Amino acid sequence: MTVVCAWCQRLGRPAVLGQKEPLDMADITHGICDEHVLIWRAEVQQSLVGQANRTV
């Protein structure tokens, strides 16, 4: 099974992250690459900071 980064795929960039079992299946499953994990974490952190500032 091929694992691709859904975010990279949406941007039209190379997205293959690797393979996972069962290796004999031609299916595709989605994950997220290291670069996009960092972006996602920063967005979540910014959102949490924004929420904290609104409640004060």
Protein backbone atom coordinates (compact mmCIF):
# COMPACT_ATOMS: atom_id res chain seq x y z
CA MET A 1 0.00 0.00 0.00
CA THR A 2 1.41 3.38 -0.97
CA VAL A 3 1.29 6.21 1.57
CA VAL A 4 1.03 9.76 0.19
CA CYS A 5 0.91 13.16 1.88
CA ALA A 6 -2.59 14.49 1.33
CA TRP A 7 -1.36 18.08 1.64
CA CYS A 8 1.41 17.70 -0.95
CA GLN A 9 -0.98 15.88 -3.25
CA ARG A 10 -3.48 18.75 -2.99
CA LEU A 11 -0.69 21.18 -3.95
CA GLY A 12 0.31 19.05 -6.96
CA ARG A 13 3.71 18.25 -5.45
CA PRO A 14 5.38 14.84 -5.25
CA ALA A 15 3.56 13.18 -2.40
CA VAL A 16 4.76 9.58 -1.94
CA LEU A 17 5.94 9.00 1.63
CA GLY A 18 6.60 5.29 1.29
CA GLN A 19 4.98 1.90 1.57
CA LYS A 20 3.17 0.14 4.40
CA GLU A 21 1.73 -3.30 4.82
CA PRO A 22 0.12 -5.02 3.12
CA LEU A 23 2.86 -4.42 0.57
CA ASP A 24 1.13 -6.48 -2.13
CA MET A 25 -1.89 -4.13 -2.28
CA ALA A 26 -1.91 -1.43 -4.95
CA ASP A 27 -4.16 0.84 -2.85
CA ILE A 28 -3.24 4.36 -1.75
CA THR A 29 -3.64 5.65 1.78
CA HIS A 30 -3.04 9.17 3.03
CA GLY A 31 -0.79 10.61 5.69
CA ILE A 32 1.11 13.84 6.23
CA CYS A 33 4.77 14.60 5.57
CA ASP A 34 7.17 16.11 8.12
CA GLU A 35 7.03 19.55 6.46
CA HIS A 36 3.25 19.71 6.62
CA VAL A 37 3.17 18.38 10.19
CA LEU A 38 5.26 21.39 11.19
CA ILE A 39 2.92 23.76 9.34
CA TRP A 40 -0.13 22.12 10.90
CA ARG A 41 1.35 22.31 14.40
CA ALA A 42 2.17 26.02 13.95
CA GLU A 43 -1.41 26.68 12.79
CA VAL A 44 -2.84 24.82 15.79
CA GLN A 45 -0.51 26.67 18.16
CA GLN A 46 -1.50 30.02 16.63
CA SER A 47 -5.17 29.10 16.93
CA LEU A 48 -4.76 28.18 20.61
CA VAL A 49 -2.93 31.43 21.33
CA GLY A 50 -5.67 33.36 19.54
CA GLN A 51 -8.37 31.62 21.57
CA ALA A 52 -6.54 32.31 24.83
CA ASN A 53 -6.24 36.00 23.95
CA ARG A 54 -9.97 36.27 23.22
CA THR A 55 -11.00 34.79 26.56
CA VAL A 56 -8.88 37.17 28.62
